[in-house]
């Protein structure tokens, strides 16, 4: 695990930033591929979508973490709010702001938002998978102690080590990367079916919410419970899954009814 690849003078080139950037480029490239294959000409918008979605996704992920998880620290250290290399990026916040920004852009270009969402869903989850590799290299989004002599050991320079020391931790971010790749494959399989517009994106939200809900039991970076029941990410996952399930059923019923009419 190398947090710093090399230095340009005194400026460090961090593996976290490099891999995170690659995740955005990869997601944009995969989205371009699906748009090109689709034949509607949406691929000419993909570079803009990648820049807009990636930028606002990073901003949303950071601000979500700052205000919902670490505000007790950052309210006294406002100059460090954008120091993402310190750890603290919430995927769910990133997805929300990225989705909102891309929807606004798509509407300004008069694109079919639901169709675009279905095209980009596999690309988004693949980008998330590589993003979790960045978390592993940076030593954040880490797991809780395993309680045994097995698990990941992080270098002393990482946030995980500062929190738990030399205790072996569950590989939570590695598992999430693996689950994301499985979800990517399931979405590709689903796209081969006769699905209704909007259902692929809804399925993406449902599958990721389920994976994130259960993985939170192994996470060790945040342990606060909402109403003494679930972690905040689990509560968000429950809400997101419920809404996505309703939307999935609604789109199927509505478009089936329209076709019959």
C-alpha atoms as a PDB file:
ATOM      1  CA  UNK A   1       0.000   0.000   0.000  1.00  0.00           C
ATOM      2  CA  UNK A   2       1.577   3.252  -1.160  1.00  0.00           C
ATOM      3  CA  UNK A   3      -0.254   6.466  -0.323  1.00  0.00           C
ATOM      4  CA  UNK A   4       2.386   8.565  -2.103  1.00  0.00           C
ATOM      5  CA  UNK A   5       3.618   7.477  -5.526  1.00  0.00           C
ATOM      6  CA  UNK A   6       6.245  10.188  -5.966  1.00  0.00           C
ATOM      7  CA  UNK A   7       6.887  13.883  -5.377  1.00  0.00           C
ATOM      8  CA  UNK A   8       7.189  16.813  -7.738  1.00  0.00           C
ATOM      9  CA  UNK A   9       9.323  19.072  -5.592  1.00  0.00           C
ATOM     10  CA  UNK A  10       7.416  19.193  -2.309  1.00  0.00           C
ATOM     11  CA  UNK A  11       4.077  18.334  -3.940  1.00  0.00           C
ATOM     12  CA  UNK A  12       3.008  14.707  -3.371  1.00  0.00           C
ATOM     13  CA  UNK A  13       1.323  12.663  -6.102  1.00  0.00           C
ATOM     14  CA  UNK A  14      -1.109  10.530  -4.133  1.00  0.00           C
ATOM     15  CA  UNK A  15      -2.327   7.135  -5.269  1.00  0.00           C
ATOM     16  CA  UNK A  16      -5.763   8.079  -3.893  1.00  0.00           C
ATOM     17  CA  UNK A  17      -6.197  11.036  -6.219  1.00  0.00           C
ATOM     18  CA  UNK A  18      -4.753   9.194  -9.208  1.00  0.00           C
ATOM     19  CA  UNK A  19      -7.014   6.141  -8.864  1.00  0.00           C
ATOM     20  CA  UNK A  20     -10.050   8.307  -8.083  1.00  0.00           C
ATOM     21  CA  UNK A  21      -9.412  10.291 -11.271  1.00  0.00           C
ATOM     22  CA  UNK A  22      -9.037   7.058 -13.214  1.00  0.00           C
ATOM     23  CA  UNK A  23     -12.391   5.880 -11.857  1.00  0.00           C
ATOM     24  CA  UNK A  24     -14.085   8.945 -13.346  1.00  0.00           C
ATOM     25  CA  UNK A  25     -12.313   8.508 -16.705  1.00  0.00           C
ATOM     26  CA  UNK A  26     -13.185   4.807 -16.761  1.00  0.00           C
ATOM     27  CA  UNK A  27     -16.851   5.425 -15.934  1.00  0.00           C
ATOM     28  CA  UNK A  28     -17.026   8.110 -18.630  1.00  0.00           C
ATOM     29  CA  UNK A  29     -15.421   5.776 -21.181  1.00  0.00           C
ATOM     30  CA  UNK A  30     -17.797   2.913 -20.392  1.00  0.00           C
ATOM     31  CA  UNK A  31     -20.739   5.318 -20.564  1.00  0.00           C
ATOM     32  CA  UNK A  32     -19.475   6.524 -23.951  1.00  0.00           C
ATOM     33  CA  UNK A  33     -19.317   2.911 -25.157  1.00  0.00           C
ATOM     34  CA  UNK A  34     -22.923   2.184 -24.165  1.00  0.00           C
ATOM     35  CA  UNK A  35     -24.146   5.489 -25.633  1.00  0.00           C
ATOM     36  CA  UNK A  36     -22.326   4.781 -28.918  1.00  0.00           C
ATOM     37  CA  UNK A  37     -23.802   1.299 -29.008  1.00  0.00           C
ATOM     38  CA  UNK A  38     -27.272   2.716 -28.343  1.00  0.00           C
ATOM     39  CA  UNK A  39     -27.221   4.774 -31.526  1.00  0.00           C
ATOM     40  CA  UNK A  40     -29.084   7.870 -30.342  1.00  0.00           C
ATOM     41  CA  UNK A  41     -26.065  10.142 -30.531  1.00  0.00           C
ATOM     42  CA  UNK A  42     -25.828  10.660 -26.770  1.00  0.00           C
ATOM     43  CA  UNK A  43     -22.122   9.846 -26.841  1.00  0.00           C
ATOM     44  CA  UNK A  44     -21.322  13.413 -27.936  1.00  0.00           C
ATOM     45  CA  UNK A  45     -22.523  14.593 -24.513  1.00  0.00           C
ATOM     46  CA  UNK A  46     -20.619  12.030 -22.468  1.00  0.00           C
ATOM     47  CA  UNK A  47     -17.418  14.028 -21.971  1.00  0.00           C
ATOM     48  CA  UNK A  48     -19.420  16.927 -20.538  1.00  0.00           C
ATOM     49  CA  UNK A  49     -21.459  14.518 -18.423  1.00  0.00           C
ATOM     50  CA  UNK A  50     -18.290  12.880 -17.132  1.00  0.00           C
ATOM     51  CA  UNK A  51     -16.781  16.234 -16.124  1.00  0.00           C
ATOM     52  CA  UNK A  52     -20.000  17.552 -14.571  1.00  0.00           C
ATOM     53  CA  UNK A  53     -21.006  14.308 -12.852  1.00  0.00           C
ATOM     54  CA  UNK A  54     -17.474  13.572 -11.667  1.00  0.00           C
ATOM     55  CA  UNK A  55     -16.868  17.070 -10.298  1.00  0.00           C
ATOM     56  CA  UNK A  56     -20.183  17.385  -8.496  1.00  0.00           C
ATOM     57  CA  UNK A  57     -19.947  13.758  -7.367  1.00  0.00           C
ATOM     58  CA  UNK A  58     -16.643  14.450  -5.621  1.00  0.00           C
ATOM     59  CA  UNK A  59     -18.028  17.633  -4.108  1.00  0.00           C
ATOM     60  CA  UNK A  60     -21.188  15.910  -2.906  1.00  0.00           C
ATOM     61  CA  UNK A  61     -19.260  12.986  -1.449  1.00  0.00           C
ATOM     62  CA  UNK A  62     -17.005  15.320   0.497  1.00  0.00           C
ATOM     63  CA  UNK A  63     -19.697  17.685   1.752  1.00  0.00           C
ATOM     64  CA  UNK A  64     -21.966  14.801   2.766  1.00  0.00           C
ATOM     65  CA  UNK A  65     -19.183  13.379   4.906  1.00  0.00           C
ATOM     66  CA  UNK A  66     -18.194  16.754   6.354  1.00  0.00           C
ATOM     67  CA  UNK A  67     -21.691  17.848   7.376  1.00  0.00           C
ATOM     68  CA  UNK A  68     -23.244  14.503   8.319  1.00  0.00           C
ATOM     69  CA  UNK A  69     -20.314  12.648   9.877  1.00  0.00           C
ATOM     70  CA  UNK A  70     -17.454  14.980  10.833  1.00  0.00           C
ATOM     71  CA  UNK A  71     -18.995  18.403  11.380  1.00  0.00           C
ATOM     72  CA  UNK A  72     -17.898  18.339  15.035  1.00  0.00           C
ATOM     73  CA  UNK A  73     -14.313  18.530  13.707  1.00  0.00           C
ATOM     74  CA  UNK A  74     -14.630  20.612  10.558  1.00  0.00           C
ATOM     75  CA  UNK A  75     -16.705  23.382  12.145  1.00  0.00           C
ATOM     76  CA  UNK A  76     -13.461  24.373  13.830  1.00  0.00           C
ATOM     77  CA  UNK A  77     -11.252  23.568  10.804  1.00  0.00           C
ATOM     78  CA  UNK A  78     -13.095  25.068   7.838  1.00  0.00           C
ATOM     79  CA  UNK A  79      -9.881  25.435   5.839  1.00  0.00           C
ATOM     80  CA  UNK A  80      -9.626  21.613   5.726  1.00  0.00           C
ATOM     81  CA  UNK A  81     -13.115  20.954   4.346  1.00  0.00           C
ATOM     82  CA  UNK A  82     -11.807  20.167   0.839  1.00  0.00           C
ATOM     83  CA  UNK A  83      -8.777  18.134   2.026  1.00  0.00           C
ATOM     84  CA  UNK A  84     -10.166  14.865   0.662  1.00  0.00           C
ATOM     85  CA  UNK A  85      -6.860  13.050   1.177  1.00  0.00           C
ATOM     86  CA  UNK A  86      -7.461  13.177   4.924  1.00  0.00           C
ATOM     87  CA  UNK A  87     -10.237  10.632   4.426  1.00  0.00           C
ATOM     88  CA  UNK A  88     -13.932  11.247   4.397  1.00  0.00           C
ATOM     89  CA  UNK A  89     -15.861  10.767   1.141  1.00  0.00           C
ATOM     90  CA  UNK A  90     -19.453   9.524   1.327  1.00  0.00           C
ATOM     91  CA  UNK A  91     -20.447   7.632  -1.832  1.00  0.00           C
ATOM     92  CA  UNK A  92     -24.150   8.211  -1.293  1.00  0.00           C
ATOM     93  CA  UNK A  93     -23.727  11.988  -1.109  1.00  0.00           C
ATOM     94  CA  UNK A  94     -21.638  11.876  -4.265  1.00  0.00           C
ATOM     95  CA  UNK A  95     -24.288   9.888  -6.135  1.00  0.00           C
ATOM     96  CA  UNK A  96     -27.044  12.275  -5.100  1.00  0.00           C
ATOM     97  CA  UNK A  97     -25.284  15.470  -6.200  1.00  0.00           C
ATOM     98  CA  UNK A  98     -23.836  13.856  -9.346  1.00  0.00           C
ATOM     99  CA  UNK A  99     -27.292  12.614 -10.360  1.00  0.00           C
ATOM    100  CA  UNK A 100     -28.900  16.023  -9.768  1.00  0.00           C
ATOM    101  CA  UNK A 101     -26.215  17.834 -11.777  1.00  0.00           C
ATOM    102  CA  UNK A 102     -26.415  15.394 -14.705  1.00  0.00           C
ATOM    103  CA  UNK A 103     -30.231  15.558 -14.752  1.00  0.00           C
ATOM    104  CA  UNK A 104     -30.077  19.364 -14.965  1.00  0.00           C
ATOM    105  CA  UNK A 105     -27.536  19.144 -17.789  1.00  0.00           C
ATOM    106  CA  UNK A 106     -29.551  16.475 -19.635  1.00  0.00           C
ATOM    107  CA  UNK A 107     -32.722  18.551 -19.458  1.00  0.00           C
ATOM    108  CA  UNK A 108     -30.858  21.592 -20.771  1.00  0.00           C
ATOM    109  CA  UNK A 109     -29.844  19.498 -23.806  1.00  0.00           C
ATOM    110  CA  UNK A 110     -33.362  18.009 -24.132  1.00  0.00           C
ATOM    111  CA  UNK A 111     -32.099  14.456 -23.585  1.00  0.00           C
ATOM    112  CA  UNK A 112     -34.279  11.583 -22.384  1.00  0.00           C
ATOM    113  CA  UNK A 113     -33.239  11.554 -18.721  1.00  0.00           C
ATOM    114  CA  UNK A 114     -34.527   8.061 -17.913  1.00  0.00           C
ATOM    115  CA  UNK A 115     -32.927   6.548 -20.979  1.00  0.00           C
ATOM    116  CA  UNK A 116     -29.645   8.280 -20.172  1.00  0.00           C
ATOM    117  CA  UNK A 117     -29.826   7.019 -16.588  1.00  0.00           C
ATOM    118  CA  UNK A 118     -30.206   3.445 -17.821  1.00  0.00           C
ATOM    119  CA  UNK A 119     -27.189   3.880 -20.099  1.00  0.00           C
ATOM    120  CA  UNK A 120     -24.997   5.256 -17.334  1.00  0.00           C
ATOM    121  CA  UNK A 121     -25.985   2.926 -14.477  1.00  0.00           C
ATOM    122  CA  UNK A 122     -23.395   0.192 -15.285  1.00  0.00           C
ATOM    123  CA  UNK A 123     -20.703   2.833 -15.844  1.00  0.00           C
ATOM    124  CA  UNK A 124     -21.441   4.454 -12.490  1.00  0.00           C
ATOM    125  CA  UNK A 125     -21.148   1.251 -10.464  1.00  0.00           C
ATOM    126  CA  UNK A 126     -17.918   0.328 -12.242  1.00  0.00           C
ATOM    127  CA  UNK A 127     -16.513   3.742 -11.374  1.00  0.00           C
ATOM    128  CA  UNK A 128     -17.523   3.161  -7.760  1.00  0.00           C
ATOM    129  CA  UNK A 129     -15.647  -0.144  -7.737  1.00  0.00           C
ATOM    130  CA  UNK A 130     -12.400   1.515  -8.757  1.00  0.00           C
ATOM    131  CA  UNK A 131     -13.104   4.309  -6.302  1.00  0.00           C
ATOM    132  CA  UNK A 132     -13.060   1.769  -3.477  1.00  0.00           C
ATOM    133  CA  UNK A 133      -9.594   0.711  -4.646  1.00  0.00           C
ATOM    134  CA  UNK A 134      -8.593   4.333  -4.042  1.00  0.00           C
ATOM    135  CA  UNK A 135     -10.005   4.088  -0.513  1.00  0.00           C
ATOM    136  CA  UNK A 136      -7.907   0.987   0.130  1.00  0.00           C
ATOM    137  CA  UNK A 137      -4.734   2.743  -1.039  1.00  0.00           C
ATOM    138  CA  UNK A 138      -5.541   5.735   1.146  1.00  0.00           C
ATOM    139  CA  UNK A 139      -6.461   3.711   4.226  1.00  0.00           C
ATOM    140  CA  UNK A 140      -9.961   5.166   4.650  1.00  0.00           C
ATOM    141  CA  UNK A 141     -13.479   3.653   4.404  1.00  0.00           C
ATOM    142  CA  UNK A 142     -11.916   0.884   6.480  1.00  0.00           C
ATOM    143  CA  UNK A 143     -13.438  -1.983   8.386  1.00  0.00           C
ATOM    144  CA  UNK A 144     -13.871  -2.663  12.084  1.00  0.00           C
ATOM    145  CA  UNK A 145     -11.443  -4.889  14.025  1.00  0.00           C
ATOM    146  CA  UNK A 146     -11.876  -8.578  13.227  1.00  0.00           C
ATOM    147  CA  UNK A 147     -11.144  -9.607  16.800  1.00  0.00           C
ATOM    148  CA  UNK A 148      -8.612 -12.190  15.599  1.00  0.00           C
ATOM    149  CA  UNK A 149      -5.193 -12.438  14.026  1.00  0.00           C
ATOM    150  CA  UNK A 150      -6.574 -12.075  10.487  1.00  0.00           C
ATOM    151  CA  UNK A 151      -7.516  -8.985   8.518  1.00  0.00           C
ATOM    152  CA  UNK A 152      -5.934  -5.938   6.901  1.00  0.00           C
ATOM    153  CA  UNK A 153      -3.104  -4.069   8.618  1.00  0.00           C
ATOM    154  CA  UNK A 154      -2.705  -0.440   7.578  1.00  0.00           C
ATOM    155  CA  UNK A 155       0.458   1.712   7.605  1.00  0.00           C
ATOM    156  CA  UNK A 156       0.938   4.208  10.409  1.00  0.00           C
ATOM    157  CA  UNK A 157       0.336   7.120   8.027  1.00  0.00           C
ATOM    158  CA  UNK A 158      -3.301   6.134   7.364  1.00  0.00           C
ATOM    159  CA  UNK A 159      -6.503   7.156   9.115  1.00  0.00           C
ATOM    160  CA  UNK A 160      -7.287   3.489   9.771  1.00  0.00           C
ATOM    161  CA  UNK A 161      -4.075   3.076  11.769  1.00  0.00           C
ATOM    162  CA  UNK A 162      -4.691   6.284  13.708  1.00  0.00           C
ATOM    163  CA  UNK A 163      -8.099   4.959  14.753  1.00  0.00           C
ATOM    164  CA  UNK A 164      -7.331   1.291  15.455  1.00  0.00           C
ATOM    165  CA  UNK A 165      -3.544   1.009  15.536  1.00  0.00           C
ATOM    166  CA  UNK A 166      -2.140  -2.405  14.596  1.00  0.00           C
ATOM    167  CA  UNK A 167      -5.439  -4.254  14.992  1.00  0.00           C
ATOM    168  CA  UNK A 168      -6.404  -6.377  11.942  1.00  0.00           C
ATOM    169  CA  UNK A 169      -9.497  -4.920  10.250  1.00  0.00           C
ATOM    170  CA  UNK A 170     -12.225  -6.369   8.048  1.00  0.00           C
ATOM    171  CA  UNK A 171     -11.545  -5.594   4.345  1.00  0.00           C
ATOM    172  CA  UNK A 172     -14.816  -3.664   4.014  1.00  0.00           C
ATOM    173  CA  UNK A 173     -13.705  -1.478   1.095  1.00  0.00           C
ATOM    174  CA  UNK A 174     -12.320  -4.515  -0.766  1.00  0.00           C
ATOM    175  CA  UNK A 175     -15.610  -6.359  -0.377  1.00  0.00           C
ATOM    176  CA  UNK A 176     -17.544  -3.339  -1.589  1.00  0.00           C
ATOM    177  CA  UNK A 177     -15.333  -3.172  -4.680  1.00  0.00           C
ATOM    178  CA  UNK A 178     -16.073  -6.833  -5.363  1.00  0.00           C
ATOM    179  CA  UNK A 179     -19.810  -6.378  -4.813  1.00  0.00           C
ATOM    180  CA  UNK A 180     -19.788  -3.398  -7.178  1.00  0.00           C
ATOM    181  CA  UNK A 181     -18.223  -5.521  -9.914  1.00  0.00           C
ATOM    182  CA  UNK A 182     -20.903  -8.176  -9.366  1.00  0.00           C
ATOM    183  CA  UNK A 183     -23.589  -5.479  -9.619  1.00  0.00           C
ATOM    184  CA  UNK A 184     -21.962  -4.232 -12.841  1.00  0.00           C
ATOM    185  CA  UNK A 185     -22.279  -7.729 -14.322  1.00  0.00           C
ATOM    186  CA  UNK A 186     -25.896  -8.088 -13.139  1.00  0.00           C
ATOM    187  CA  UNK A 187     -26.822  -4.767 -14.741  1.00  0.00           C
ATOM    188  CA  UNK A 188     -25.299  -5.868 -18.046  1.00  0.00           C
ATOM    189  CA  UNK A 189     -27.349  -9.071 -17.883  1.00  0.00           C
ATOM    190  CA  UNK A 190     -30.477  -7.088 -17.007  1.00  0.00           C
ATOM    191  CA  UNK A 191     -29.931  -4.780 -19.970  1.00  0.00           C
ATOM    192  CA  UNK A 192     -30.287  -7.829 -22.232  1.00  0.00           C
ATOM    193  CA  UNK A 193     -33.869  -8.303 -21.008  1.00  0.00           C
ATOM    194  CA  UNK A 194     -37.016  -6.494 -22.126  1.00  0.00           C
ATOM    195  CA  UNK A 195     -36.875  -3.987 -19.278  1.00  0.00           C
ATOM    196  CA  UNK A 196     -38.846  -0.765 -19.096  1.00  0.00           C
ATOM    197  CA  UNK A 197     -37.207   2.649 -19.327  1.00  0.00           C
ATOM    198  CA  UNK A 198     -35.796   3.752 -15.973  1.00  0.00           C
ATOM    199  CA  UNK A 199     -35.762   0.262 -14.462  1.00  0.00           C
ATOM    200  CA  UNK A 200     -32.038  -0.367 -15.021  1.00  0.00           C
ATOM    201  CA  UNK A 201     -31.097   2.703 -12.998  1.00  0.00           C
ATOM    202  CA  UNK A 202     -33.636   1.794 -10.301  1.00  0.00           C
ATOM    203  CA  UNK A 203     -32.161  -1.714 -10.123  1.00  0.00           C
ATOM    204  CA  UNK A 204     -28.679  -0.217  -9.756  1.00  0.00           C
ATOM    205  CA  UNK A 205     -29.843   1.831  -6.769  1.00  0.00           C
ATOM    206  CA  UNK A 206     -31.545  -1.192  -5.196  1.00  0.00           C
ATOM    207  CA  UNK A 207     -28.592  -3.554  -5.592  1.00  0.00           C
ATOM    208  CA  UNK A 208     -26.064  -1.066  -4.294  1.00  0.00           C
ATOM    209  CA  UNK A 209     -28.301  -0.164  -1.356  1.00  0.00           C
ATOM    210  CA  UNK A 210     -28.576  -3.817  -0.323  1.00  0.00           C
ATOM    211  CA  UNK A 211     -24.808  -4.340  -0.585  1.00  0.00           C
ATOM    212  CA  UNK A 212     -24.036  -1.152   1.322  1.00  0.00           C
ATOM    213  CA  UNK A 213     -26.570  -1.942   4.062  1.00  0.00           C
ATOM    214  CA  UNK A 214     -24.931  -5.237   4.994  1.00  0.00           C
ATOM    215  CA  UNK A 215     -21.350  -4.047   4.480  1.00  0.00           C
ATOM    216  CA  UNK A 216     -21.937  -1.319   7.051  1.00  0.00           C
ATOM    217  CA  UNK A 217     -21.934  -4.002   9.746  1.00  0.00           C
ATOM    218  CA  UNK A 218     -18.231  -4.507   8.969  1.00  0.00           C
ATOM    219  CA  UNK A 219     -17.271  -0.826   8.617  1.00  0.00           C
ATOM    220  CA  UNK A 220     -15.264   0.723  11.412  1.00  0.00           C
ATOM    221  CA  UNK A 221     -14.882   4.359  10.375  1.00  0.00           C
ATOM    222  CA  UNK A 222     -18.330   5.398  11.609  1.00  0.00           C
ATOM    223  CA  UNK A 223     -20.187   3.752  14.476  1.00  0.00           C
ATOM    224  CA  UNK A 224     -22.840   6.293  15.436  1.00  0.00           C
ATOM    225  CA  UNK A 225     -26.371   4.896  15.294  1.00  0.00           C
ATOM    226  CA  UNK A 226     -29.431   6.823  14.126  1.00  0.00           C
ATOM    227  CA  UNK A 227     -32.211   6.518  16.698  1.00  0.00           C
ATOM    228  CA  UNK A 228     -30.084   3.828  18.332  1.00  0.00           C
ATOM    229  CA  UNK A 229     -30.899   1.414  15.500  1.00  0.00           C
ATOM    230  CA  UNK A 230     -28.880   1.714  12.291  1.00  0.00           C
ATOM    231  CA  UNK A 231     -25.906   3.642  10.971  1.00  0.00           C
ATOM    232  CA  UNK A 232     -26.701   6.682   8.858  1.00  0.00           C
ATOM    233  CA  UNK A 233     -25.510   4.943   5.670  1.00  0.00           C
ATOM    234  CA  UNK A 234     -27.843   2.036   6.453  1.00  0.00           C
ATOM    235  CA  UNK A 235     -30.774   4.399   6.950  1.00  0.00           C
ATOM    236  CA  UNK A 236     -29.960   6.061   3.635  1.00  0.00           C
ATOM    237  CA  UNK A 237     -29.753   2.630   1.999  1.00  0.00           C
ATOM    238  CA  UNK A 238     -33.170   1.621   3.349  1.00  0.00           C
ATOM    239  CA  UNK A 239     -34.749   4.833   2.055  1.00  0.00           C
ATOM    240  CA  UNK A 240     -32.991   4.594  -1.322  1.00  0.00           C
ATOM    241  CA  UNK A 241     -33.946   0.931  -1.755  1.00  0.00           C
ATOM    242  CA  UNK A 242     -37.591   1.605  -0.905  1.00  0.00           C
ATOM    243  CA  UNK A 243     -37.879   4.539  -3.293  1.00  0.00           C
ATOM    244  CA  UNK A 244     -36.052   2.658  -6.080  1.00  0.00           C
ATOM    245  CA  UNK A 245     -38.282  -0.400  -5.629  1.00  0.00           C
ATOM    246  CA  UNK A 246     -41.422   1.740  -5.900  1.00  0.00           C
ATOM    247  CA  UNK A 247     -40.008   3.471  -8.977  1.00  0.00           C
ATOM    248  CA  UNK A 248     -39.014   0.116 -10.537  1.00  0.00           C
ATOM    249  CA  UNK A 249     -42.544  -1.257 -10.118  1.00  0.00           C
ATOM    250  CA  UNK A 250     -44.154   2.017 -11.207  1.00  0.00           C
ATOM    251  CA  UNK A 251     -42.151   2.267 -14.441  1.00  0.00           C
ATOM    252  CA  UNK A 252     -42.933  -1.346 -15.295  1.00  0.00           C
ATOM    253  CA  UNK A 253     -46.650  -0.938 -14.640  1.00  0.00           C
ATOM    254  CA  UNK A 254     -46.983   2.476 -16.291  1.00  0.00           C
ATOM    255  CA  UNK A 255     -45.137   1.619 -19.489  1.00  0.00           C
ATOM    256  CA  UNK A 256     -46.888  -1.747 -19.787  1.00  0.00           C
ATOM    257  CA  UNK A 257     -50.211   0.005 -19.449  1.00  0.00           C
ATOM    258  CA  UNK A 258     -49.253   2.613 -22.054  1.00  0.00           C
ATOM    259  CA  UNK A 259     -48.195  -0.081 -24.526  1.00  0.00           C
ATOM    260  CA  UNK A 260     -51.487  -1.920 -24.042  1.00  0.00           C
ATOM    261  CA  UNK A 261     -53.417   1.308 -24.545  1.00  0.00           C
END
